[in-house]
Amino acid sequence: QSFKNLLDKFKDYSPEYPTIERVKSKDSHLLVVDIADLHINKYATSELTGAEYNSKKAVQRAIEGTKGLLQKSIGFGIDKILFVIGNDVLNTDNLSKSTTKFTPQDTDVSWHEAFKIAYECYVKSLELCLSVADVDVIHCPSNHDFMSGTFLAETLKAHFRLCDNITFDTSSAYRKYYQYFGNLIELEHGDKGKVADLPLVIAQQQPRMWAECKFRYGYLHHVHHSDKRQFQSSKDYIGLNITYLRSPSSADIWHSDNGYLNMVAVEAFIHSKENGRVAQITHYF
């Protein structure tokens, strides 16, 4: 019934967003908002993992995190927001309560309820961002929800189709590229390829962007916990800084039992037109 209601909503509700005229500033910045690895429909209890996590808490953290990041960015003069979606926003990808490649997951709601929850959560988050600046949305396909995450991205694109202040890149490409003046930004989930090869991969796939930009950044996801290696959020390679994003999602039973624990948080990054990344913002829970 809830899935039918969602379909009816798509048919009947075509929101119209009035065009917002922005005041241009010479000293303005790009804000990258990246709610990484939200895992809506993940279930964990404090008794077994030391922390509660479920779909309701995931949404609370996404909304609170978006508000917190926007609040902390005040003073930089944000003229554009790059909002990253995907990256395991949904915990499962099928009726078997498992990931795209059938790894079983602990869940708290049905797959169609999770989809509706994620849709409403991201509409709210994007509307919060639109109150600050125009938004460019980029979708990163990921290993937990390769199909359903793509459907969600296309649904959000359809929802905002009448809004002139937002754009969407929902292509199926694994690596996404974005240029903000002298900044090259590469986005991917982070579960494929060798990190050390990424500078050459980017230079091969985007030679003009590589040449035009003095400052180059790769934002990766997927690895957001401590494991046998010490978690290292950022590292400089030749010509490229690679940064792994923290996640607002608490560990489930499997990750907790194996000691894969993370400090739950969401992160954003501020880029200057001519001077690269000038700030990193973290909102802890």
Protein backbone atom coordinates (compact mmCIF):
# COMPACT_ATOMS: atom_id res chain seq x y z
CA GLN A 1 0.00 0.00 0.00
CA SER A 2 2.79 2.44 0.87
CA PHE A 3 4.48 1.75 -2.48
CA LYS A 4 1.19 2.44 -4.32
CA ASN A 5 0.87 5.70 -2.40
CA LEU A 6 4.36 6.64 -3.54
CA LEU A 7 3.48 5.96 -7.18
CA ASP A 8 0.29 8.02 -6.83
CA LYS A 9 2.35 10.84 -5.37
CA PHE A 10 4.65 10.78 -8.40
CA LYS A 11 1.64 11.00 -10.73
CA ASP A 12 -0.19 13.78 -8.90
CA TYR A 13 2.55 15.89 -7.38
CA SER A 14 4.76 17.95 -9.66
CA PRO A 15 6.21 20.61 -7.37
CA GLU A 16 6.94 23.99 -8.87
CA TYR A 17 9.92 25.82 -7.42
CA PRO A 18 10.11 29.55 -8.14
CA THR A 19 13.42 30.57 -9.68
CA ILE A 20 15.72 32.17 -7.12
CA GLU A 21 17.80 35.09 -8.36
CA ARG A 22 21.22 34.88 -6.69
CA VAL A 23 23.52 37.84 -6.00
CA LYS A 24 26.94 37.11 -7.51
CA SER A 25 30.06 37.74 -5.43
CA LYS A 26 33.70 37.84 -6.49
CA ASP A 27 34.82 36.23 -3.23
CA SER A 28 32.54 33.18 -3.31
CA HIS A 29 33.06 29.47 -2.79
CA LEU A 30 31.83 25.99 -3.66
CA LEU A 31 30.43 23.90 -0.81
CA VAL A 32 30.65 20.13 -1.34
CA VAL A 33 28.03 18.39 0.82
CA ASP A 34 28.51 14.63 0.91
CA ILE A 35 26.23 12.49 3.11
CA ALA A 36 28.33 9.37 2.64
CA ASP A 37 27.18 5.78 3.25
CA LEU A 38 23.90 6.64 4.97
CA HIS A 39 22.63 3.03 4.72
CA ILE A 40 18.91 3.62 5.16
CA ASN A 41 17.37 0.27 6.23
CA LYS A 42 20.41 -0.83 8.22
CA TYR A 43 19.46 -2.18 11.65
CA ALA A 44 21.64 -2.31 14.77
CA THR A 45 20.96 -2.43 18.50
CA SER A 46 23.08 -1.09 21.34
CA GLU A 47 22.95 -4.49 23.06
CA LEU A 48 24.83 -6.20 20.24
CA THR A 49 26.80 -3.36 18.65
CA GLY A 50 27.06 -0.61 21.27
CA ALA A 51 24.95 1.81 19.18
CA GLU A 52 21.39 2.03 17.88
CA TYR A 53 20.85 2.47 14.15
CA ASN A 54 17.76 2.21 11.96
CA SER A 55 16.03 4.04 9.12
CA LYS A 56 14.57 6.72 11.41
CA LYS A 57 17.96 7.51 12.91
CA ALA A 58 19.54 7.57 9.43
CA VAL A 59 17.09 10.25 8.30
CA GLN A 60 17.57 12.26 11.49
CA ARG A 61 21.32 12.30 10.96
CA ALA A 62 21.05 13.19 7.28
CA ILE A 63 18.80 16.17 7.98
CA GLU A 64 20.64 17.30 11.10
CA GLY A 65 23.95 16.83 9.31
CA THR A 66 22.88 18.87 6.29
CA LYS A 67 21.68 21.69 8.56
CA GLY A 68 24.89 21.52 10.59
CA LEU A 69 27.17 21.65 7.56
CA LEU A 70 25.25 24.58 6.05
CA GLN A 71 25.37 26.45 9.35
CA LYS A 72 29.12 25.89 9.73
CA SER A 73 29.76 27.17 6.20
CA ILE A 74 28.26 30.60 6.93
CA GLY A 75 30.82 33.34 6.31
CA PHE A 76 32.45 31.81 3.25
CA GLY A 77 30.01 33.28 0.73
CA ILE A 78 28.77 30.07 -0.90
CA ASP A 79 27.70 30.61 -4.51
CA LYS A 80 27.32 26.94 -5.47
CA ILE A 81 26.66 23.65 -3.67
CA LEU A 82 27.79 20.29 -5.02
CA PHE A 83 25.55 17.71 -3.35
CA VAL A 84 26.65 14.09 -3.65
CA ILE A 85 24.02 11.34 -3.59
CA GLY A 86 24.32 7.57 -3.86
CA ASN A 87 27.19 5.87 -2.02
CA ASP A 88 25.07 3.26 -0.25
CA VAL A 89 22.20 5.55 0.61
CA LEU A 90 20.10 2.35 0.71
CA ASN A 91 21.38 -0.70 2.58
CA THR A 92 19.85 -3.36 0.33
CA ASP A 93 19.08 -3.77 -3.37
CA ASN A 94 16.56 -6.63 -3.65
CA LEU A 95 13.80 -8.68 -2.01
CA SER A 96 16.39 -10.96 -0.38
CA LYS A 97 17.44 -8.23 2.10
CA SER A 98 20.91 -8.23 0.62
CA THR A 99 23.27 -5.96 -1.30
CA THR A 100 23.56 -5.89 -5.10
CA LYS A 101 25.89 -8.91 -4.97
CA PHE A 102 23.72 -10.71 -2.39
CA THR A 103 25.57 -10.05 0.87
CA PRO A 104 22.90 -10.48 3.61
CA GLN A 105 22.03 -7.40 5.71
CA ASP A 106 20.21 -6.68 8.96
CA THR A 107 17.20 -4.50 8.06
CA ASP A 108 14.33 -2.75 9.86
CA VAL A 109 11.82 -2.01 7.07
CA SER A 110 10.73 -3.41 3.70
CA TRP A 111 12.60 -2.41 0.53
CA HIS A 112 9.79 -0.16 -0.76
CA GLU A 113 9.42 1.57 2.61
CA ALA A 114 13.17 2.22 2.60
CA PHE A 115 12.96 3.70 -0.90
CA LYS A 116 10.16 6.07 0.14
CA ILE A 117 12.06 7.09 3.29
CA ALA A 118 15.21 7.80 1.26
CA TYR A 119 13.27 9.79 -1.34
CA GLU A 120 11.63 12.05 1.27
CA CYS A 121 14.91 12.43 3.18
CA TYR A 122 16.85 13.62 0.15
CA VAL A 123 14.10 15.98 -1.00
CA LYS A 124 14.32 17.70 2.40
CA SER A 125 18.11 17.80 2.32
CA LEU A 126 18.19 19.28 -1.19
CA GLU A 127 15.55 21.88 -0.32
CA LEU A 128 17.71 22.94 2.64
CA CYS A 129 20.66 23.40 0.27
CA LEU A 130 18.57 25.34 -2.24
CA SER A 131 17.80 27.90 0.47
CA VAL A 132 21.54 28.74 0.49
CA ALA A 133 22.72 28.47 -3.14
CA ASP A 134 22.13 26.79 -6.48
CA VAL A 135 22.80 23.06 -6.32
CA ASP A 136 24.51 20.61 -8.68
CA VAL A 137 23.69 17.02 -7.75
CA ILE A 138 25.98 14.12 -8.69
CA HIS A 139 25.09 10.46 -8.17
CA CYS A 140 27.80 7.89 -7.33
CA PRO A 141 26.77 4.25 -7.99
CA SER A 142 27.72 1.95 -5.11
CA ASN A 143 27.96 -1.67 -4.04
CA HIS A 144 25.01 -1.90 -1.62
CA ASP A 145 22.37 -0.33 -3.87
CA PHE A 146 23.67 -0.18 -7.41
CA MET A 147 20.17 -0.48 -8.92
CA SER A 148 17.87 1.04 -6.29
CA GLY A 149 20.28 3.94 -5.75
CA THR A 150 20.09 4.71 -9.46
CA PHE A 151 16.29 4.58 -9.36
CA LEU A 152 16.35 6.97 -6.40
CA ALA A 153 18.62 9.41 -8.23
CA GLU A 154 16.32 9.42 -11.27
CA THR A 155 13.28 9.90 -9.03
CA LEU A 156 14.86 12.93 -7.36
CA LYS A 157 15.76 14.34 -10.78
CA ALA A 158 12.12 14.00 -11.84
CA HIS A 159 10.93 15.60 -8.59
CA PHE A 160 13.03 18.72 -9.18
CA ARG A 161 12.55 18.88 -12.95
CA LEU A 162 10.68 22.20 -12.70
CA CYS A 163 13.36 23.82 -10.52
CA ASP A 164 15.79 26.08 -12.41
CA ASN A 165 18.23 26.27 -9.49
CA ILE A 166 19.29 22.63 -9.48
CA THR A 167 20.99 20.25 -11.93
CA PHE A 168 21.48 16.47 -11.85
CA ASP A 169 24.18 14.13 -13.16
CA THR A 170 22.59 10.68 -12.83
CA SER A 171 24.64 8.89 -15.47
CA SER A 172 25.72 5.30 -14.82
CA ALA A 173 29.44 6.19 -15.01
CA TYR A 174 31.34 4.90 -11.98
CA ARG A 175 33.63 7.93 -11.76
CA LYS A 176 32.12 11.40 -11.92
CA TYR A 177 33.99 14.64 -12.61
CA TYR A 178 33.19 18.21 -11.67
CA GLN A 179 35.10 21.44 -12.29
CA TYR A 180 34.80 24.57 -10.19
CA PHE A 181 37.12 27.18 -11.72
CA GLY A 182 40.65 25.93 -10.85
CA ASN A 183 39.36 22.88 -8.91
CA LEU A 184 39.03 19.40 -10.37
CA ILE A 185 36.80 17.17 -8.24
CA GLU A 186 36.57 13.44 -8.90
CA LEU A 187 33.87 11.40 -7.15
CA GLU A 188 33.49 7.63 -6.83
CA HIS A 189 32.32 5.09 -4.29
CA GLY A 190 35.82 3.74 -3.72
CA ASP A 191 35.28 -0.02 -3.97
CA LYS A 192 36.95 -0.48 -7.37
CA GLY A 193 40.44 -0.04 -8.75
CA LYS A 194 43.71 0.85 -7.02
CA VAL A 195 43.85 4.17 -5.21
CA ALA A 196 47.48 4.74 -6.16
CA ASP A 197 46.52 4.56 -9.86
CA LEU A 198 43.81 7.20 -9.55
CA PRO A 199 45.92 10.24 -10.58
CA LEU A 200 46.81 8.60 -13.91
CA VAL A 201 43.26 7.32 -14.38
CA ILE A 202 41.87 10.84 -13.96
CA ALA A 203 44.51 12.36 -16.24
CA GLN A 204 43.65 9.76 -18.89
CA GLN A 205 39.87 10.17 -18.62
CA GLN A 206 39.84 13.96 -18.20
CA PRO A 207 43.05 15.35 -19.78
CA ARG A 208 41.66 18.83 -20.44
CA MET A 209 40.21 19.22 -16.95
CA TRP A 210 43.47 17.90 -15.46
CA ALA A 211 45.46 20.49 -17.43
CA GLU A 212 43.14 23.39 -16.63
CA CYS A 213 43.01 22.80 -12.87
CA LYS A 214 45.86 23.47 -10.47
CA PHE A 215 43.99 21.88 -7.53
CA ARG A 216 42.74 18.30 -7.86
CA TYR A 217 40.74 16.24 -5.39
CA GLY A 218 39.28 12.75 -5.28
CA TYR A 219 36.39 12.17 -2.86
CA LEU A 220 35.94 8.48 -2.05
CA HIS A 221 33.56 6.58 0.20
CA HIS A 222 32.98 2.92 1.12
CA VAL A 223 35.84 2.70 3.68
CA HIS A 224 34.54 4.71 6.63
CA HIS A 225 35.69 2.68 9.60
CA SER A 226 38.82 1.53 11.42
CA ASP A 227 40.16 -1.82 10.31
CA LYS A 228 43.55 -3.51 10.51
CA ARG A 229 45.01 -0.37 8.98
CA GLN A 230 44.62 2.92 10.76
CA PHE A 231 41.85 4.95 9.13
CA GLN A 232 43.39 7.70 7.06
CA SER A 233 40.86 10.17 5.77
CA SER A 234 43.15 12.11 3.41
CA LYS A 235 46.43 11.57 1.56
CA ASP A 236 48.37 13.49 -1.07
CA TYR A 237 49.44 11.67 -4.21
CA ILE A 238 51.39 13.24 -7.09
CA GLY A 239 49.01 15.84 -8.49
CA LEU A 240 45.98 14.68 -6.48
CA ASN A 241 44.61 14.72 -2.93
CA ILE A 242 42.40 11.74 -2.11
CA THR A 243 39.97 12.06 0.77
CA TYR A 244 37.77 9.32 2.25
CA LEU A 245 34.48 10.49 3.70
CA ARG A 246 33.21 9.68 7.18
CA SER A 247 29.75 8.12 7.48
CA PRO A 248 26.79 8.91 9.77
CA SER A 249 25.94 5.19 9.82
CA SER A 250 26.73 3.17 12.94
CA ALA A 251 28.19 -0.32 12.68
CA ASP A 252 25.87 -3.30 12.25
CA ILE A 253 26.47 -6.64 13.97
CA TRP A 254 28.97 -7.99 11.42
CA HIS A 255 31.08 -4.82 11.38
CA SER A 256 30.92 -4.48 15.17
CA ASP A 257 31.96 -8.10 15.76
CA ASN A 258 34.94 -7.63 13.43
CA GLY A 259 35.99 -4.39 15.10
CA TYR A 260 35.13 -2.21 12.10
CA LEU A 261 34.00 0.78 14.14
CA ASN A 262 33.69 4.36 12.97
CA MET A 263 33.20 7.82 14.44
CA VAL A 264 29.79 8.71 12.98
CA ALA A 265 29.79 12.06 11.18
CA VAL A 266 28.99 13.87 7.95
CA GLU A 267 31.49 16.07 6.13
CA ALA A 268 31.61 18.99 3.72
CA PHE A 269 34.42 20.80 1.92
CA ILE A 270 34.79 24.41 0.84
CA HIS A 271 36.64 25.26 -2.35
CA SER A 272 37.90 28.68 -3.38
CA LYS A 273 37.76 29.66 -7.05
CA GLU A 274 41.52 30.23 -7.29
CA ASN A 275 43.05 28.72 -4.13
CA GLY A 276 41.71 25.19 -3.95
CA ARG A 277 40.15 23.60 -0.89
CA VAL A 278 40.28 26.08 1.96
CA ALA A 279 38.20 24.31 4.63
CA GLN A 280 36.92 20.91 5.74
CA ILE A 281 33.80 20.79 7.91
CA THR A 282 32.82 17.82 10.09
CA HIS A 283 29.52 17.43 11.92
CA TYR A 284 29.72 14.65 14.53
CA PHE A 285 26.76 12.87 16.13
